[in-house]
């Protein structure tokens, strides 16, 4: 894929949406294109995660304990947390059909944030907002569960 195409793909991802154009260019330039055939394994559960993947085309099944938990397609960022911290993969990812992905490394993501502090500040603010929303949603789930079983 051309650099401009990679930039366009990355810019549609929420985490990268507010990046400065030059920061996005650096991230796109450093990303690697991966092509998988149907049935190819992208990663396995409990692998150390150093990369996230953006699905450009195709579909990837995320499998936990031999059961497909989710099938993701174009425009999906797989392994967002891998860009922020070293973690282990919670699922196995297998291509369901011929699939093209962009592989984004944590090292280059961090470098991009260091070189473009305004972008880093916008991303940090977005992540804070998303964590606050998730906390609110979890509080709502907790309250609904409490109504179902008041002793909890």
N, C-alpha and C. Protein backbone atom coordinates (compact mmCIF):
# COMPACT_ATOMS: atom_id res chain seq x y z
N UNK A 1 0.84 -1.18 0.00
CA UNK A 1 0.00 0.00 0.00
C UNK A 1 0.88 1.24 0.00
N UNK A 2 0.38 2.31 -0.57
CA UNK A 2 1.09 3.58 -0.60
C UNK A 2 0.99 4.26 0.76
N UNK A 3 1.94 5.12 1.03
CA UNK A 3 1.98 5.82 2.31
C UNK A 3 0.68 6.59 2.57
N UNK A 4 0.18 7.28 1.57
CA UNK A 4 -1.07 8.02 1.75
C UNK A 4 -2.24 7.09 2.07
N UNK A 5 -2.25 5.91 1.46
CA UNK A 5 -3.30 4.93 1.76
C UNK A 5 -3.20 4.47 3.21
N UNK A 6 -1.98 4.18 3.67
CA UNK A 6 -1.78 3.76 5.06
C UNK A 6 -2.21 4.86 6.02
N UNK A 7 -1.87 6.10 5.68
CA UNK A 7 -2.28 7.22 6.53
C UNK A 7 -3.80 7.31 6.61
N UNK A 8 -4.46 7.11 5.49
CA UNK A 8 -5.93 7.18 5.46
C UNK A 8 -6.53 6.08 6.33
N UNK A 9 -5.97 4.88 6.25
CA UNK A 9 -6.45 3.76 7.06
C UNK A 9 -6.26 4.07 8.54
N UNK A 10 -5.07 4.52 8.92
CA UNK A 10 -4.77 4.81 10.32
C UNK A 10 -5.63 5.96 10.85
N UNK A 11 -5.88 6.96 10.02
CA UNK A 11 -6.63 8.13 10.48
C UNK A 11 -8.08 7.79 10.84
N UNK A 12 -8.59 6.67 10.34
CA UNK A 12 -9.97 6.27 10.66
C UNK A 12 -10.06 5.53 12.00
N UNK A 13 -8.93 5.25 12.62
CA UNK A 13 -8.92 4.57 13.92
C UNK A 13 -9.01 5.63 15.01
N UNK A 14 -9.89 5.42 15.98
CA UNK A 14 -10.12 6.43 17.03
C UNK A 14 -8.83 6.86 17.71
N UNK A 15 -7.96 5.94 18.03
CA UNK A 15 -6.72 6.28 18.75
C UNK A 15 -5.83 7.20 17.93
N UNK A 16 -5.85 7.06 16.62
CA UNK A 16 -4.96 7.83 15.75
C UNK A 16 -5.65 9.02 15.08
N UNK A 17 -6.95 9.13 15.24
CA UNK A 17 -7.75 10.11 14.51
C UNK A 17 -7.27 11.55 14.71
N UNK A 18 -6.87 11.90 15.90
CA UNK A 18 -6.50 13.29 16.20
C UNK A 18 -5.00 13.55 16.08
N UNK A 19 -4.26 12.66 15.46
CA UNK A 19 -2.82 12.85 15.32
C UNK A 19 -2.54 13.96 14.30
N UNK A 20 -1.48 14.73 14.57
CA UNK A 20 -0.99 15.68 13.58
C UNK A 20 -0.66 14.91 12.30
N UNK A 21 -0.80 15.57 11.17
CA UNK A 21 -0.54 14.90 9.89
C UNK A 21 0.87 14.32 9.83
N UNK A 22 1.86 15.06 10.30
CA UNK A 22 3.24 14.56 10.25
C UNK A 22 3.45 13.39 11.21
N UNK A 23 2.79 13.43 12.35
CA UNK A 23 2.88 12.31 13.29
C UNK A 23 2.25 11.07 12.66
N UNK A 24 1.12 11.25 12.02
CA UNK A 24 0.45 10.14 11.34
C UNK A 24 1.32 9.59 10.21
N UNK A 25 1.99 10.49 9.50
CA UNK A 25 2.89 10.08 8.42
C UNK A 25 4.02 9.21 8.98
N UNK A 26 4.62 9.61 10.10
CA UNK A 26 5.69 8.82 10.71
C UNK A 26 5.18 7.44 11.12
N UNK A 27 4.02 7.41 11.73
CA UNK A 27 3.45 6.14 12.17
C UNK A 27 3.13 5.24 10.96
N UNK A 28 2.56 5.81 9.93
CA UNK A 28 2.23 5.04 8.73
C UNK A 28 3.50 4.54 8.05
N UNK A 29 4.52 5.38 7.98
CA UNK A 29 5.77 5.01 7.34
C UNK A 29 6.43 3.83 8.05
N UNK A 30 6.30 3.80 9.36
CA UNK A 30 6.95 2.75 10.15
C UNK A 30 6.10 1.49 10.27
N UNK A 31 4.84 1.56 9.85
CA UNK A 31 3.96 0.39 9.93
C UNK A 31 4.32 -0.61 8.83
N UNK A 32 4.08 -1.86 9.14
CA UNK A 32 4.37 -2.93 8.17
C UNK A 32 3.06 -3.56 7.72
N UNK A 33 2.98 -3.86 6.43
CA UNK A 33 1.82 -4.55 5.91
C UNK A 33 1.99 -6.05 6.10
N UNK A 34 0.98 -6.68 6.65
CA UNK A 34 0.96 -8.14 6.82
C UNK A 34 -0.18 -8.69 6.00
N UNK A 35 0.08 -9.76 5.28
CA UNK A 35 -0.95 -10.43 4.49
C UNK A 35 -1.11 -11.84 5.04
N UNK A 36 -2.35 -12.19 5.35
CA UNK A 36 -2.66 -13.52 5.88
C UNK A 36 -3.62 -14.24 4.94
N UNK A 37 -3.43 -15.53 4.86
CA UNK A 37 -4.40 -16.38 4.16
C UNK A 37 -5.45 -16.83 5.17
N UNK A 38 -6.57 -17.26 4.68
CA UNK A 38 -7.60 -17.80 5.58
C UNK A 38 -6.99 -18.93 6.40
N UNK A 39 -7.16 -18.87 7.71
CA UNK A 39 -6.63 -19.90 8.60
C UNK A 39 -5.27 -19.57 9.20
N UNK A 40 -4.59 -18.55 8.68
CA UNK A 40 -3.29 -18.16 9.25
C UNK A 40 -3.49 -17.55 10.63
N UNK A 41 -2.57 -17.86 11.54
CA UNK A 41 -2.62 -17.31 12.89
C UNK A 41 -1.82 -16.02 12.95
N UNK A 42 -2.44 -14.97 13.43
CA UNK A 42 -1.78 -13.68 13.60
C UNK A 42 -0.98 -13.68 14.90
N UNK A 43 -1.60 -14.15 15.97
CA UNK A 43 -0.92 -14.33 17.26
C UNK A 43 -1.73 -15.32 18.09
N UNK A 44 -1.09 -15.81 19.16
CA UNK A 44 -1.73 -16.78 20.04
C UNK A 44 -1.97 -16.18 21.42
N UNK A 45 -2.99 -16.70 22.08
CA UNK A 45 -3.29 -16.28 23.45
C UNK A 45 -2.03 -16.43 24.29
N UNK A 46 -1.77 -15.44 25.13
CA UNK A 46 -0.64 -15.37 26.06
C UNK A 46 0.68 -14.99 25.41
N UNK A 47 0.71 -14.76 24.08
CA UNK A 47 1.93 -14.22 23.47
C UNK A 47 2.17 -12.83 24.05
N UNK A 48 3.45 -12.45 24.17
CA UNK A 48 3.79 -11.08 24.56
C UNK A 48 3.40 -10.18 23.40
N UNK A 49 2.76 -9.07 23.72
CA UNK A 49 2.29 -8.18 22.65
C UNK A 49 3.18 -6.94 22.55
N UNK A 50 3.79 -6.77 21.39
CA UNK A 50 4.61 -5.60 21.10
C UNK A 50 4.00 -4.76 20.00
N UNK A 51 2.97 -5.28 19.36
CA UNK A 51 2.38 -4.63 18.19
C UNK A 51 0.86 -4.62 18.32
N UNK A 52 0.27 -3.63 17.68
CA UNK A 52 -1.16 -3.67 17.43
C UNK A 52 -1.33 -3.84 15.93
N UNK A 53 -2.52 -4.21 15.51
CA UNK A 53 -2.79 -4.46 14.10
C UNK A 53 -4.08 -3.75 13.70
N UNK A 54 -4.04 -3.10 12.56
CA UNK A 54 -5.23 -2.48 11.98
C UNK A 54 -5.67 -3.35 10.82
N UNK A 55 -6.91 -3.79 10.85
CA UNK A 55 -7.44 -4.60 9.76
C UNK A 55 -7.77 -3.67 8.60
N UNK A 56 -7.08 -3.89 7.48
CA UNK A 56 -7.30 -3.09 6.27
C UNK A 56 -8.40 -3.73 5.44
N UNK A 57 -8.31 -5.04 5.27
CA UNK A 57 -9.34 -5.79 4.54
C UNK A 57 -9.37 -7.21 5.09
N UNK A 58 -10.49 -7.88 4.90
CA UNK A 58 -10.62 -9.24 5.40
C UNK A 58 -11.30 -9.28 6.75
N UNK A 59 -11.07 -10.38 7.46
CA UNK A 59 -11.69 -10.58 8.77
C UNK A 59 -10.81 -11.46 9.64
N UNK A 60 -10.78 -11.15 10.92
CA UNK A 60 -9.97 -11.88 11.90
C UNK A 60 -10.88 -12.33 13.04
N UNK A 61 -10.79 -13.61 13.38
CA UNK A 61 -11.53 -14.14 14.52
C UNK A 61 -10.65 -14.07 15.75
N UNK A 62 -11.21 -13.56 16.83
CA UNK A 62 -10.53 -13.54 18.11
C UNK A 62 -11.11 -14.68 18.93
N UNK A 63 -10.25 -15.59 19.33
CA UNK A 63 -10.69 -16.86 19.92
C UNK A 63 -10.15 -16.97 21.34
N UNK A 64 -11.05 -17.27 22.27
CA UNK A 64 -10.68 -17.48 23.66
C UNK A 64 -11.15 -18.87 24.06
N UNK A 65 -10.24 -19.68 24.55
CA UNK A 65 -10.58 -21.05 24.97
C UNK A 65 -11.32 -21.83 23.88
N UNK A 66 -10.80 -21.73 22.69
CA UNK A 66 -11.29 -22.46 21.52
C UNK A 66 -12.68 -22.04 21.06
N UNK A 67 -13.21 -20.94 21.58
CA UNK A 67 -14.49 -20.41 21.14
C UNK A 67 -14.27 -19.03 20.54
N UNK A 68 -14.83 -18.79 19.35
CA UNK A 68 -14.73 -17.48 18.74
C UNK A 68 -15.54 -16.50 19.58
N UNK A 69 -14.88 -15.46 20.06
CA UNK A 69 -15.57 -14.48 20.88
C UNK A 69 -15.96 -13.24 20.07
N UNK A 70 -15.23 -13.02 18.96
CA UNK A 70 -15.50 -11.82 18.18
C UNK A 70 -14.86 -11.98 16.80
N UNK A 71 -15.52 -11.50 15.78
CA UNK A 71 -14.93 -11.44 14.44
C UNK A 71 -14.86 -9.97 14.08
N UNK A 72 -13.65 -9.50 13.74
CA UNK A 72 -13.45 -8.09 13.42
C UNK A 72 -13.05 -7.93 11.97
N UNK A 73 -13.40 -6.78 11.42
CA UNK A 73 -13.11 -6.52 10.02
C UNK A 73 -12.42 -5.19 9.82
N UNK A 74 -12.47 -4.69 8.59
CA UNK A 74 -11.77 -3.45 8.23
C UNK A 74 -12.08 -2.30 9.17
N UNK A 75 -11.02 -1.56 9.50
CA UNK A 75 -11.17 -0.41 10.39
C UNK A 75 -11.05 -0.74 11.86
N UNK A 76 -10.72 -1.99 12.19
CA UNK A 76 -10.60 -2.40 13.58
C UNK A 76 -9.14 -2.38 14.01
N UNK A 77 -8.89 -1.84 15.19
CA UNK A 77 -7.56 -1.88 15.81
C UNK A 77 -7.55 -3.05 16.78
N UNK A 78 -6.69 -4.01 16.52
CA UNK A 78 -6.55 -5.19 17.39
C UNK A 78 -5.34 -4.98 18.28
N UNK A 79 -5.52 -5.09 19.59
CA UNK A 79 -4.40 -4.99 20.52
C UNK A 79 -3.98 -3.58 20.83
N UNK A 80 -4.93 -2.69 21.00
CA UNK A 80 -4.64 -1.29 21.30
C UNK A 80 -3.74 -1.15 22.53
N UNK A 81 -3.99 -1.95 23.55
CA UNK A 81 -3.21 -1.87 24.78
C UNK A 81 -1.72 -2.15 24.54
N UNK A 82 -1.41 -2.95 23.52
CA UNK A 82 -0.01 -3.26 23.21
C UNK A 82 0.78 -2.02 22.85
N UNK A 83 0.11 -0.97 22.41
CA UNK A 83 0.82 0.28 22.08
C UNK A 83 1.19 1.07 23.32
N UNK A 84 0.52 0.78 24.42
CA UNK A 84 0.72 1.55 25.64
C UNK A 84 1.58 0.84 26.67
N UNK A 85 1.53 -0.49 26.69
CA UNK A 85 2.27 -1.24 27.71
C UNK A 85 2.50 -2.66 27.23
N UNK A 86 3.53 -3.29 27.78
CA UNK A 86 3.76 -4.69 27.46
C UNK A 86 2.69 -5.52 28.16
N UNK A 87 2.00 -6.28 27.38
CA UNK A 87 0.93 -7.13 27.91
C UNK A 87 1.02 -8.50 27.24
N UNK A 88 0.14 -9.36 27.61
CA UNK A 88 0.01 -10.66 26.95
C UNK A 88 -1.31 -10.66 26.20
N UNK A 89 -1.34 -11.34 25.10
CA UNK A 89 -2.55 -11.40 24.28
C UNK A 89 -3.64 -12.17 25.03
N UNK A 90 -4.85 -11.60 25.13
CA UNK A 90 -5.93 -12.28 25.83
C UNK A 90 -6.64 -13.33 24.97
N UNK A 91 -6.37 -13.30 23.66
CA UNK A 91 -7.03 -14.23 22.74
C UNK A 91 -6.04 -14.68 21.68
N UNK A 92 -6.47 -15.66 20.89
CA UNK A 92 -5.75 -16.05 19.68
C UNK A 92 -6.47 -15.37 18.52
N UNK A 93 -5.70 -14.89 17.54
CA UNK A 93 -6.28 -14.23 16.37
C UNK A 93 -5.96 -15.02 15.12
N UNK A 94 -7.00 -15.41 14.39
CA UNK A 94 -6.85 -16.22 13.18
C UNK A 94 -7.64 -15.57 12.05
N UNK A 95 -6.99 -15.44 10.88
CA UNK A 95 -7.66 -14.86 9.72
C UNK A 95 -8.80 -15.78 9.28
N UNK A 96 -9.98 -15.21 9.07
CA UNK A 96 -11.14 -15.97 8.61
C UNK A 96 -11.19 -16.06 7.09
N UNK A 97 -10.49 -15.15 6.45
CA UNK A 97 -10.44 -15.05 5.00
C UNK A 97 -9.14 -14.33 4.66
N UNK A 98 -8.77 -14.23 3.40
CA UNK A 98 -7.56 -13.46 3.09
C UNK A 98 -7.67 -12.07 3.71
N UNK A 99 -6.64 -11.67 4.43
CA UNK A 99 -6.70 -10.45 5.25
C UNK A 99 -5.42 -9.65 5.10
N UNK A 100 -5.56 -8.34 5.03
CA UNK A 100 -4.42 -7.43 5.02
C UNK A 100 -4.50 -6.59 6.28
N UNK A 101 -3.37 -6.46 6.97
CA UNK A 101 -3.30 -5.68 8.20
C UNK A 101 -2.10 -4.75 8.17
N UNK A 102 -2.18 -3.69 8.94
CA UNK A 102 -1.02 -2.85 9.20
C UNK A 102 -0.55 -3.17 10.62
N UNK A 103 0.73 -3.47 10.76
CA UNK A 103 1.29 -3.77 12.07
C UNK A 103 1.98 -2.51 12.59
N UNK A 104 1.55 -2.05 13.76
CA UNK A 104 2.08 -0.83 14.37
C UNK A 104 2.81 -1.23 15.64
N UNK A 105 4.08 -0.83 15.75
CA UNK A 105 4.87 -1.22 16.92
C UNK A 105 4.72 -0.21 18.06
N UNK A 106 4.79 -0.73 19.27
CA UNK A 106 4.76 0.12 20.47
C UNK A 106 5.94 1.09 20.44
N UNK A 107 7.10 0.61 20.04
CA UNK A 107 8.30 1.44 20.00
C UNK A 107 8.09 2.67 19.10
N UNK A 108 7.54 2.47 17.91
CA UNK A 108 7.33 3.60 17.00
C UNK A 108 6.17 4.48 17.45
N UNK A 109 5.16 3.89 18.06
CA UNK A 109 4.06 4.70 18.60
C UNK A 109 4.60 5.64 19.67
N UNK A 110 5.41 5.10 20.57
CA UNK A 110 6.00 5.94 21.63
C UNK A 110 6.91 7.00 21.05
N UNK A 111 7.72 6.63 20.07
CA UNK A 111 8.61 7.60 19.43
C UNK A 111 7.80 8.73 18.81
N UNK A 112 6.71 8.37 18.16
CA UNK A 112 5.85 9.37 17.53
C UNK A 112 5.30 10.32 18.59
N UNK A 113 4.87 9.78 19.72
CA UNK A 113 4.34 10.64 20.78
C UNK A 113 5.42 11.54 21.37
N UNK A 114 6.64 11.03 21.47
CA UNK A 114 7.75 11.86 21.97
C UNK A 114 8.07 13.00 21.01
N UNK A 115 8.02 12.71 19.72
CA UNK A 115 8.37 13.73 18.73
C UNK A 115 7.24 14.72 18.49
N UNK A 116 6.03 14.35 18.83
CA UNK A 116 4.86 15.21 18.61
C UNK A 116 4.06 15.31 19.91
N UNK A 117 4.54 16.12 20.86
CA UNK A 117 3.90 16.20 22.18
C UNK A 117 2.45 16.70 22.13
N UNK A 118 2.09 17.52 21.14
CA UNK A 118 0.70 17.97 21.04
C UNK A 118 -0.21 16.78 20.73
N UNK A 119 0.28 15.91 19.87
CA UNK A 119 -0.47 14.69 19.56
C UNK A 119 -0.59 13.82 20.81
N UNK A 120 0.51 13.69 21.54
CA UNK A 120 0.50 12.89 22.77
C UNK A 120 -0.53 13.43 23.76
N UNK A 121 -0.61 14.74 23.89
CA UNK A 121 -1.57 15.35 24.82
C UNK A 121 -3.00 15.06 24.38
N UNK A 122 -3.28 15.15 23.08
CA UNK A 122 -4.63 14.86 22.59
C UNK A 122 -5.00 13.39 22.80
N UNK A 123 -4.05 12.50 22.56
CA UNK A 123 -4.31 11.07 22.76
C UNK A 123 -4.53 10.77 24.23
N UNK A 124 -3.72 11.37 25.11
CA UNK A 124 -3.88 11.16 26.55
C UNK A 124 -5.26 11.64 27.00
N UNK A 125 -5.70 12.78 26.51
CA UNK A 125 -7.02 13.30 26.88
C UNK A 125 -8.12 12.36 26.37
N UNK A 126 -7.97 11.85 25.16
CA UNK A 126 -8.97 10.92 24.61
C UNK A 126 -9.01 9.64 25.42
N UNK A 127 -7.85 9.11 25.79
CA UNK A 127 -7.81 7.88 26.59
C UNK A 127 -8.45 8.10 27.96
N UNK A 128 -8.18 9.25 28.58
CA UNK A 128 -8.82 9.57 29.87
C UNK A 128 -10.34 9.58 29.72
N UNK A 129 -10.82 10.23 28.66
CA UNK A 129 -12.26 10.31 28.42
C UNK A 129 -12.85 8.92 28.23
N UNK A 130 -12.16 8.08 27.47
CA UNK A 130 -12.67 6.72 27.22
C UNK A 130 -12.68 5.89 28.50
N UNK A 131 -11.66 6.04 29.35
CA UNK A 131 -11.62 5.30 30.62
C UNK A 131 -12.76 5.79 31.52
N UNK A 132 -13.01 7.09 31.54
CA UNK A 132 -14.11 7.61 32.35
C UNK A 132 -15.46 7.08 31.87
N UNK A 133 -15.64 7.03 30.54
CA UNK A 133 -16.88 6.47 29.99
C UNK A 133 -17.03 5.00 30.37
N UNK A 134 -15.94 4.25 30.26
CA UNK A 134 -15.99 2.84 30.60
C UNK A 134 -16.29 2.65 32.08
N UNK A 135 -15.71 3.49 32.93
CA UNK A 135 -15.98 3.40 34.37
C UNK A 135 -17.45 3.65 34.66
N UNK A 136 -18.02 4.64 33.97
CA UNK A 136 -19.44 4.93 34.14
C UNK A 136 -20.31 3.77 33.68
N UNK A 137 -19.94 3.16 32.55
CA UNK A 137 -20.69 2.01 32.06
C UNK A 137 -20.58 0.83 33.03
N UNK A 138 -19.41 0.61 33.59
CA UNK A 138 -19.24 -0.48 34.56
C UNK A 138 -20.05 -0.22 35.82
N UNK A 139 -20.11 1.04 36.23
CA UNK A 139 -20.93 1.37 37.41
C UNK A 139 -22.39 1.06 37.13
N UNK A 140 -22.84 1.34 35.91
CA UNK A 140 -24.22 1.03 35.53
C UNK A 140 -24.47 -0.47 35.53
N UNK A 141 -23.52 -1.25 35.03
CA UNK A 141 -23.66 -2.71 35.05
C UNK A 141 -23.70 -3.21 36.48
N UNK A 142 -22.84 -2.65 37.32
CA UNK A 142 -22.81 -3.06 38.73
C UNK A 142 -24.17 -2.79 39.40
N UNK A 143 -24.73 -1.63 39.10
CA UNK A 143 -26.03 -1.28 39.68
C UNK A 143 -27.12 -2.23 39.19
N UNK A 144 -27.13 -2.56 37.90
CA UNK A 144 -28.13 -3.49 37.38
C UNK A 144 -27.97 -4.87 38.02
N UNK A 145 -26.75 -5.31 38.20
CA UNK A 145 -26.50 -6.60 38.85
C UNK A 145 -26.95 -6.57 40.31
N UNK A 146 -26.75 -5.45 40.96
CA UNK A 146 -27.18 -5.31 42.36
C UNK A 146 -28.70 -5.41 42.47
N UNK A 147 -29.42 -4.88 41.46
CA UNK A 147 -30.88 -4.97 41.48
C UNK A 147 -31.34 -6.41 41.28
N UNK A 148 -30.58 -7.18 40.51
CA UNK A 148 -30.90 -8.59 40.28
C UNK A 148 -30.63 -9.41 41.54
N UNK A 149 -29.51 -9.14 42.21
CA UNK A 149 -29.12 -9.86 43.42
C UNK A 149 -28.72 -8.83 44.47
N UNK A 150 -29.67 -8.34 45.25
CA UNK A 150 -29.42 -7.26 46.22
C UNK A 150 -28.36 -7.58 47.27
N UNK A 151 -28.06 -8.84 47.50
CA UNK A 151 -27.07 -9.21 48.52
C UNK A 151 -25.64 -8.99 48.04
N UNK A 152 -25.43 -8.64 46.81
CA UNK A 152 -24.07 -8.45 46.29
C UNK A 152 -23.64 -7.02 46.36
